[in-house]
Amino acid sequence: MRSTRQVRRPWCWARVVIVGVRTWIEGWPVYRQLTGTDPLGRGTAAQSPKSKTLTARTETADKVAKSVCPYCAVGCGQRIFVKDEKIVQIEGDPDSPVSRGRLCPKGSASLSLVTSDRRQQKVLYRRPYAKDWEELDLETAMDMIADRVLAARDATWQDHDGDGHPLNRTLGISSLGGATLDNEENYLIKKLFTAIGAIQIENQARI
């Protein structure tokens, strides 16, 4: 009776070992660095199989929108990469005459400002002498702010000074804008606070 068991030939094992050793040597970064086109080991010689398959988030974006960094008053240009209606990356805009594609560490981390799970999405209010914050809906919070503005204006309104010169102002209200405000928002804030008689109006980007 003839056996169906295959006989393992020694030369086959030797070939497998040789191929395996060659594959291991060719996959060694030092070998690729010495024999390839990357003698300094900064490109393909240093790539792993996983890194070769990686693609930048900017390559898979559906569209790109141009914007301005919201942090300081410099106004560096940004490119907002969007995929499936979600922001996937924010980089400097090389077309910006202000920054020419450069961003500071804060501007480079703008993506976390938009997508962080720690970003507050609701109005929080801590009542006087309270220890905890409570959530308020936006309409209630806006009504509370309006009531306080009107009360402070009525309590501190000045028609004239001691010599009878007209003033028509209040020193009980002031405004300090943030750098995340754009020019249009700052214009409206200035118009609003001037209309209610406030004269102490400033923006933190100028301080």
C-alpha atoms as a PDB file:
ATOM      1  CA  MET A   1       0.000   0.000   0.000  1.00  0.00           C
ATOM      2  CA  ARG A   2       1.407   3.343  -1.073  1.00  0.00           C
ATOM      3  CA  SER A   3       1.518   6.066   1.538  1.00  0.00           C
ATOM      4  CA  THR A   4      -0.208   9.385   0.665  1.00  0.00           C
ATOM      5  CA  ARG A   5       2.016  11.264   3.013  1.00  0.00           C
ATOM      6  CA  GLN A   6       4.164  13.851   1.254  1.00  0.00           C
ATOM      7  CA  VAL A   7       7.861  13.704   1.707  1.00  0.00           C
ATOM      8  CA  ARG A   8       9.358  17.011   2.762  1.00  0.00           C
ATOM      9  CA  ARG A   9      12.387  17.709   0.687  1.00  0.00           C
ATOM     10  CA  PRO A  10      15.364  19.357   2.404  1.00  0.00           C
ATOM     11  CA  TRP A  11      16.000  21.721  -0.502  1.00  0.00           C
ATOM     12  CA  CYS A  12      12.494  23.174  -0.142  1.00  0.00           C
ATOM     13  CA  TRP A  13      13.151  24.076   3.470  1.00  0.00           C
ATOM     14  CA  ALA A  14      16.449  25.610   2.522  1.00  0.00           C
ATOM     15  CA  ARG A  15      14.754  27.723  -0.139  1.00  0.00           C
ATOM     16  CA  VAL A  16      12.135  28.899   2.319  1.00  0.00           C
ATOM     17  CA  VAL A  17      14.821  29.843   4.831  1.00  0.00           C
ATOM     18  CA  ILE A  18      16.834  31.729   2.202  1.00  0.00           C
ATOM     19  CA  VAL A  19      13.768  33.632   0.980  1.00  0.00           C
ATOM     20  CA  GLY A  20      12.792  34.434   4.544  1.00  0.00           C
ATOM     21  CA  VAL A  21      16.263  35.736   5.393  1.00  0.00           C
ATOM     22  CA  ARG A  22      16.367  37.815   2.214  1.00  0.00           C
ATOM     23  CA  THR A  23      12.942  39.302   2.952  1.00  0.00           C
ATOM     24  CA  TRP A  24      14.034  40.129   6.493  1.00  0.00           C
ATOM     25  CA  ILE A  25      17.256  41.764   5.297  1.00  0.00           C
ATOM     26  CA  GLU A  26      15.493  43.763   2.593  1.00  0.00           C
ATOM     27  CA  GLY A  27      12.946  44.932   5.135  1.00  0.00           C
ATOM     28  CA  TRP A  28      15.686  46.118   7.494  1.00  0.00           C
ATOM     29  CA  PRO A  29      15.747  49.953   7.479  1.00  0.00           C
ATOM     30  CA  VAL A  30      19.567  50.047   7.564  1.00  0.00           C
ATOM     31  CA  TYR A  31      19.756  47.884   4.431  1.00  0.00           C
ATOM     32  CA  ARG A  32      17.223  50.087   2.622  1.00  0.00           C
ATOM     33  CA  GLN A  33      19.152  53.143   3.717  1.00  0.00           C
ATOM     34  CA  LEU A  34      22.472  51.834   2.388  1.00  0.00           C
ATOM     35  CA  THR A  35      21.183  50.393  -0.886  1.00  0.00           C
ATOM     36  CA  GLY A  36      18.275  52.652  -1.761  1.00  0.00           C
ATOM     37  CA  THR A  37      17.719  56.263  -2.705  1.00  0.00           C
ATOM     38  CA  ASP A  38      17.362  57.481   0.868  1.00  0.00           C
ATOM     39  CA  PRO A  39      20.904  57.485   2.342  1.00  0.00           C
ATOM     40  CA  LEU A  40      19.959  59.768   5.222  1.00  0.00           C
ATOM     41  CA  GLY A  41      17.103  57.552   6.364  1.00  0.00           C
ATOM     42  CA  ARG A  42      14.509  60.321   6.372  1.00  0.00           C
ATOM     43  CA  GLY A  43      12.056  58.985   3.806  1.00  0.00           C
ATOM     44  CA  THR A  44      11.267  55.582   2.340  1.00  0.00           C
ATOM     45  CA  ALA A  45      14.086  53.857   4.218  1.00  0.00           C
ATOM     46  CA  ALA A  46      12.479  54.679   7.528  1.00  0.00           C
ATOM     47  CA  GLN A  47       8.937  53.718   6.538  1.00  0.00           C
ATOM     48  CA  SER A  48       7.225  50.723   8.072  1.00  0.00           C
ATOM     49  CA  PRO A  49       4.552  48.708   6.218  1.00  0.00           C
ATOM     50  CA  LYS A  50       1.911  50.480   8.306  1.00  0.00           C
ATOM     51  CA  SER A  51       3.247  53.959   7.633  1.00  0.00           C
ATOM     52  CA  LYS A  52       3.268  53.286   3.872  1.00  0.00           C
ATOM     53  CA  THR A  53      -0.498  52.794   3.915  1.00  0.00           C
ATOM     54  CA  LEU A  54      -1.234  55.934   5.933  1.00  0.00           C
ATOM     55  CA  THR A  55      -2.799  58.921   4.210  1.00  0.00           C
ATOM     56  CA  ALA A  56      -3.184  62.478   5.430  1.00  0.00           C
ATOM     57  CA  ARG A  57      -6.591  63.607   6.595  1.00  0.00           C
ATOM     58  CA  THR A  58      -6.341  66.462   4.114  1.00  0.00           C
ATOM     59  CA  GLU A  59      -6.257  63.996   1.192  1.00  0.00           C
ATOM     60  CA  THR A  60      -9.594  62.417   2.097  1.00  0.00           C
ATOM     61  CA  ALA A  61     -11.432  65.712   2.703  1.00  0.00           C
ATOM     62  CA  ASP A  62     -14.527  66.483   0.639  1.00  0.00           C
ATOM     63  CA  LYS A  63     -13.997  70.238   0.595  1.00  0.00           C
ATOM     64  CA  VAL A  64     -11.795  73.013   1.951  1.00  0.00           C
ATOM     65  CA  ALA A  65     -13.000  76.299   3.446  1.00  0.00           C
ATOM     66  CA  LYS A  66     -10.838  79.308   4.215  1.00  0.00           C
ATOM     67  CA  SER A  67     -11.058  80.995   7.588  1.00  0.00           C
ATOM     68  CA  VAL A  68      -9.115  83.098  10.092  1.00  0.00           C
ATOM     69  CA  CYS A  69      -7.574  81.857  13.341  1.00  0.00           C
ATOM     70  CA  PRO A  70      -9.870  82.825  16.243  1.00  0.00           C
ATOM     71  CA  TYR A  71      -7.246  83.339  18.934  1.00  0.00           C
ATOM     72  CA  CYS A  72      -5.293  86.597  18.765  1.00  0.00           C
ATOM     73  CA  ALA A  73      -5.527  89.817  16.765  1.00  0.00           C
ATOM     74  CA  VAL A  74      -2.897  88.826  14.169  1.00  0.00           C
ATOM     75  CA  GLY A  75      -5.497  87.147  11.946  1.00  0.00           C
ATOM     76  CA  CYS A  76      -3.518  84.228  10.527  1.00  0.00           C
ATOM     77  CA  GLY A  77      -5.210  82.460   7.625  1.00  0.00           C
ATOM     78  CA  GLN A  78      -6.451  78.909   8.007  1.00  0.00           C
ATOM     79  CA  ARG A  79      -7.668  76.152   5.715  1.00  0.00           C
ATOM     80  CA  ILE A  80     -10.527  74.066   7.146  1.00  0.00           C
ATOM     81  CA  PHE A  81     -10.702  70.532   5.728  1.00  0.00           C
ATOM     82  CA  VAL A  82     -14.164  68.974   5.894  1.00  0.00           C
ATOM     83  CA  LYS A  83     -15.299  65.395   5.339  1.00  0.00           C
ATOM     84  CA  ASP A  84     -18.917  64.249   5.670  1.00  0.00           C
ATOM     85  CA  GLU A  85     -19.819  67.705   7.028  1.00  0.00           C
ATOM     86  CA  LYS A  86     -17.306  67.341   9.880  1.00  0.00           C
ATOM     87  CA  ILE A  87     -14.005  69.151  10.344  1.00  0.00           C
ATOM     88  CA  VAL A  88     -11.114  66.685  10.076  1.00  0.00           C
ATOM     89  CA  GLN A  89      -8.100  69.027   9.947  1.00  0.00           C
ATOM     90  CA  ILE A  90      -7.132  72.696  10.250  1.00  0.00           C
ATOM     91  CA  GLU A  91      -3.886  73.973   8.725  1.00  0.00           C
ATOM     92  CA  GLY A  92      -2.288  77.272   7.815  1.00  0.00           C
ATOM     93  CA  ASP A  93      -3.320  78.964   4.592  1.00  0.00           C
ATOM     94  CA  PRO A  94      -0.312  79.582   2.305  1.00  0.00           C
ATOM     95  CA  ASP A  95      -2.353  82.201   0.399  1.00  0.00           C
ATOM     96  CA  SER A  96      -2.699  84.389   3.508  1.00  0.00           C
ATOM     97  CA  PRO A  97      -0.599  87.570   3.237  1.00  0.00           C
ATOM     98  CA  VAL A  98      -0.537  87.731   7.045  1.00  0.00           C
ATOM     99  CA  SER A  99       0.895  84.338   7.979  1.00  0.00           C
ATOM    100  CA  ARG A 100       1.812  82.717   4.614  1.00  0.00           C
ATOM    101  CA  GLY A 101       0.757  79.279   5.789  1.00  0.00           C
ATOM    102  CA  ARG A 102       2.253  79.458   9.271  1.00  0.00           C
ATOM    103  CA  LEU A 103       0.392  78.952  12.546  1.00  0.00           C
ATOM    104  CA  CYS A 104       1.514  79.248  16.160  1.00  0.00           C
ATOM    105  CA  PRO A 105       0.984  76.263  18.515  1.00  0.00           C
ATOM    106  CA  LYS A 106      -2.428  77.596  19.556  1.00  0.00           C
ATOM    107  CA  GLY A 107      -3.529  78.093  15.963  1.00  0.00           C
ATOM    108  CA  SER A 108      -2.248  74.634  15.027  1.00  0.00           C
ATOM    109  CA  ALA A 109      -4.412  73.140  17.783  1.00  0.00           C
ATOM    110  CA  SER A 110      -7.586  74.835  16.561  1.00  0.00           C
ATOM    111  CA  LEU A 111      -9.083  71.474  15.631  1.00  0.00           C
ATOM    112  CA  SER A 112      -9.405  70.545  19.308  1.00  0.00           C
ATOM    113  CA  LEU A 113     -11.155  73.869  19.973  1.00  0.00           C
ATOM    114  CA  VAL A 114     -13.922  72.808  17.593  1.00  0.00           C
ATOM    115  CA  THR A 115     -14.122  69.050  18.154  1.00  0.00           C
ATOM    116  CA  SER A 116     -13.120  68.614  21.814  1.00  0.00           C
ATOM    117  CA  ASP A 117     -15.649  66.740  23.949  1.00  0.00           C
ATOM    118  CA  ARG A 118     -14.764  69.141  26.791  1.00  0.00           C
ATOM    119  CA  ARG A 119     -16.151  72.150  24.928  1.00  0.00           C
ATOM    120  CA  GLN A 120     -19.149  73.621  26.738  1.00  0.00           C
ATOM    121  CA  GLN A 121     -22.332  73.411  24.704  1.00  0.00           C
ATOM    122  CA  LYS A 122     -24.766  74.743  27.322  1.00  0.00           C
ATOM    123  CA  VAL A 123     -25.089  77.871  29.442  1.00  0.00           C
ATOM    124  CA  LEU A 124     -23.836  77.349  33.005  1.00  0.00           C
ATOM    125  CA  TYR A 125     -24.867  79.632  35.869  1.00  0.00           C
ATOM    126  CA  ARG A 126     -23.734  79.703  39.476  1.00  0.00           C
ATOM    127  CA  ARG A 127     -26.042  81.641  41.722  1.00  0.00           C
ATOM    128  CA  PRO A 128     -24.642  83.930  44.457  1.00  0.00           C
ATOM    129  CA  TYR A 129     -23.087  81.907  47.300  1.00  0.00           C
ATOM    130  CA  ALA A 130     -23.814  78.652  45.474  1.00  0.00           C
ATOM    131  CA  LYS A 131     -21.184  75.927  45.150  1.00  0.00           C
ATOM    132  CA  ASP A 132     -22.449  74.185  42.041  1.00  0.00           C
ATOM    133  CA  TRP A 133     -23.214  75.216  38.478  1.00  0.00           C
ATOM    134  CA  GLU A 134     -26.650  74.765  37.003  1.00  0.00           C
ATOM    135  CA  GLU A 135     -27.649  74.525  33.345  1.00  0.00           C
ATOM    136  CA  LEU A 136     -29.863  77.185  31.810  1.00  0.00           C
ATOM    137  CA  ASP A 137     -31.511  77.343  28.426  1.00  0.00           C
ATOM    138  CA  LEU A 138     -30.270  80.145  26.193  1.00  0.00           C
ATOM    139  CA  GLU A 139     -33.510  82.162  26.279  1.00  0.00           C
ATOM    140  CA  THR A 140     -33.557  82.258  30.089  1.00  0.00           C
ATOM    141  CA  ALA A 141     -29.883  83.255  30.217  1.00  0.00           C
ATOM    142  CA  MET A 142     -30.399  86.081  27.687  1.00  0.00           C
ATOM    143  CA  ASP A 143     -33.368  87.429  29.694  1.00  0.00           C
ATOM    144  CA  MET A 144     -31.264  87.406  32.880  1.00  0.00           C
ATOM    145  CA  ILE A 145     -28.460  89.307  31.148  1.00  0.00           C
ATOM    146  CA  ALA A 146     -30.855  91.902  29.729  1.00  0.00           C
ATOM    147  CA  ASP A 147     -32.459  92.451  33.171  1.00  0.00           C
ATOM    148  CA  ARG A 148     -29.059  92.968  34.792  1.00  0.00           C
ATOM    149  CA  VAL A 149     -27.884  95.367  32.076  1.00  0.00           C
ATOM    150  CA  LEU A 150     -30.999  97.520  32.422  1.00  0.00           C
ATOM    151  CA  ALA A 151     -30.808  97.478  36.231  1.00  0.00           C
ATOM    152  CA  ALA A 152     -27.115  98.498  36.209  1.00  0.00           C
ATOM    153  CA  ARG A 153     -27.827 101.260  33.672  1.00  0.00           C
ATOM    154  CA  ASP A 154     -30.678 102.712  35.720  1.00  0.00           C
ATOM    155  CA  ALA A 155     -28.681 102.578  38.955  1.00  0.00           C
ATOM    156  CA  THR A 156     -25.556 104.275  37.556  1.00  0.00           C
ATOM    157  CA  TRP A 157     -26.916 106.640  34.893  1.00  0.00           C
ATOM    158  CA  GLN A 158     -25.410 110.140  34.841  1.00  0.00           C
ATOM    159  CA  ASP A 159     -27.315 112.955  33.120  1.00  0.00           C
ATOM    160  CA  HIS A 160     -24.724 115.653  33.837  1.00  0.00           C
ATOM    161  CA  ASP A 161     -21.695 116.382  35.955  1.00  0.00           C
ATOM    162  CA  GLY A 162     -21.475 118.686  38.973  1.00  0.00           C
ATOM    163  CA  ASP A 163     -21.113 121.780  36.776  1.00  0.00           C
ATOM    164  CA  GLY A 164     -24.216 121.015  34.757  1.00  0.00           C
ATOM    165  CA  HIS A 165     -22.441 119.710  31.658  1.00  0.00           C
ATOM    166  CA  PRO A 166     -24.444 116.944  29.971  1.00  0.00           C
ATOM    167  CA  LEU A 167     -22.961 113.448  30.180  1.00  0.00           C
ATOM    168  CA  ASN A 168     -25.694 110.916  29.292  1.00  0.00           C
ATOM    169  CA  ARG A 169     -23.535 107.959  30.228  1.00  0.00           C
ATOM    170  CA  THR A 170     -23.152 105.061  32.629  1.00  0.00           C
ATOM    171  CA  LEU A 171     -19.984 103.843  34.337  1.00  0.00           C
ATOM    172  CA  GLY A 172     -21.705 100.745  35.664  1.00  0.00           C
ATOM    173  CA  ILE A 173     -21.402  98.794  32.409  1.00  0.00           C
ATOM    174  CA  SER A 174     -18.289  97.914  30.464  1.00  0.00           C
ATOM    175  CA  SER A 175     -17.401  95.561  27.631  1.00  0.00           C
ATOM    176  CA  LEU A 176     -14.272  93.469  27.121  1.00  0.00           C
ATOM    177  CA  GLY A 177     -14.392  91.627  23.809  1.00  0.00           C
ATOM    178  CA  GLY A 178     -12.508  88.447  23.017  1.00  0.00           C
ATOM    179  CA  ALA A 179     -10.136  87.677  20.162  1.00  0.00           C
ATOM    180  CA  THR A 180     -12.565  85.095  18.772  1.00  0.00           C
ATOM    181  CA  LEU A 181     -14.882  87.927  17.739  1.00  0.00           C
ATOM    182  CA  ASP A 182     -14.693  89.020  14.115  1.00  0.00           C
ATOM    183  CA  ASN A 183     -14.875  92.623  12.878  1.00  0.00           C
ATOM    184  CA  GLU A 184     -18.612  92.473  12.247  1.00  0.00           C
ATOM    185  CA  GLU A 185     -19.342  91.244  15.769  1.00  0.00           C
ATOM    186  CA  ASN A 186     -17.072  93.909  17.283  1.00  0.00           C
ATOM    187  CA  TYR A 187     -18.840  96.569  15.227  1.00  0.00           C
ATOM    188  CA  LEU A 188     -22.247  95.481  16.540  1.00  0.00           C
ATOM    189  CA  ILE A 189     -20.976  95.331  20.130  1.00  0.00           C
ATOM    190  CA  LYS A 190     -19.595  98.858  19.852  1.00  0.00           C
ATOM    191  CA  LYS A 191     -22.889 100.133  18.441  1.00  0.00           C
ATOM    192  CA  LEU A 192     -24.896  98.396  21.170  1.00  0.00           C
ATOM    193  CA  PHE A 193     -22.865  99.570  24.149  1.00  0.00           C
ATOM    194  CA  THR A 194     -22.587 103.104  22.798  1.00  0.00           C
ATOM    195  CA  ALA A 195     -26.367 103.195  22.368  1.00  0.00           C
ATOM    196  CA  ILE A 196     -26.976 102.252  26.005  1.00  0.00           C
ATOM    197  CA  GLY A 197     -24.502 104.873  27.236  1.00  0.00           C
ATOM    198  CA  ALA A 198     -21.427 102.775  28.086  1.00  0.00           C
ATOM    199  CA  ILE A 199     -18.045 104.343  27.413  1.00  0.00           C
ATOM    200  CA  GLN A 200     -15.730 101.624  28.757  1.00  0.00           C
ATOM    201  CA  ILE A 201     -15.432  99.432  25.663  1.00  0.00           C
ATOM    202  CA  GLU A 202     -12.282  97.452  24.934  1.00  0.00           C
ATOM    203  CA  ASN A 203     -11.064  94.260  23.294  1.00  0.00           C
ATOM    204  CA  GLN A 204      -8.545  91.891  24.850  1.00  0.00           C
ATOM    205  CA  ALA A 205      -6.657  91.570  21.553  1.00  0.00           C
ATOM    206  CA  ARG A 206      -5.479  95.199  21.952  1.00  0.00           C
ATOM    207  CA  ILE A 207      -4.449  94.913  25.600  1.00  0.00           C
END
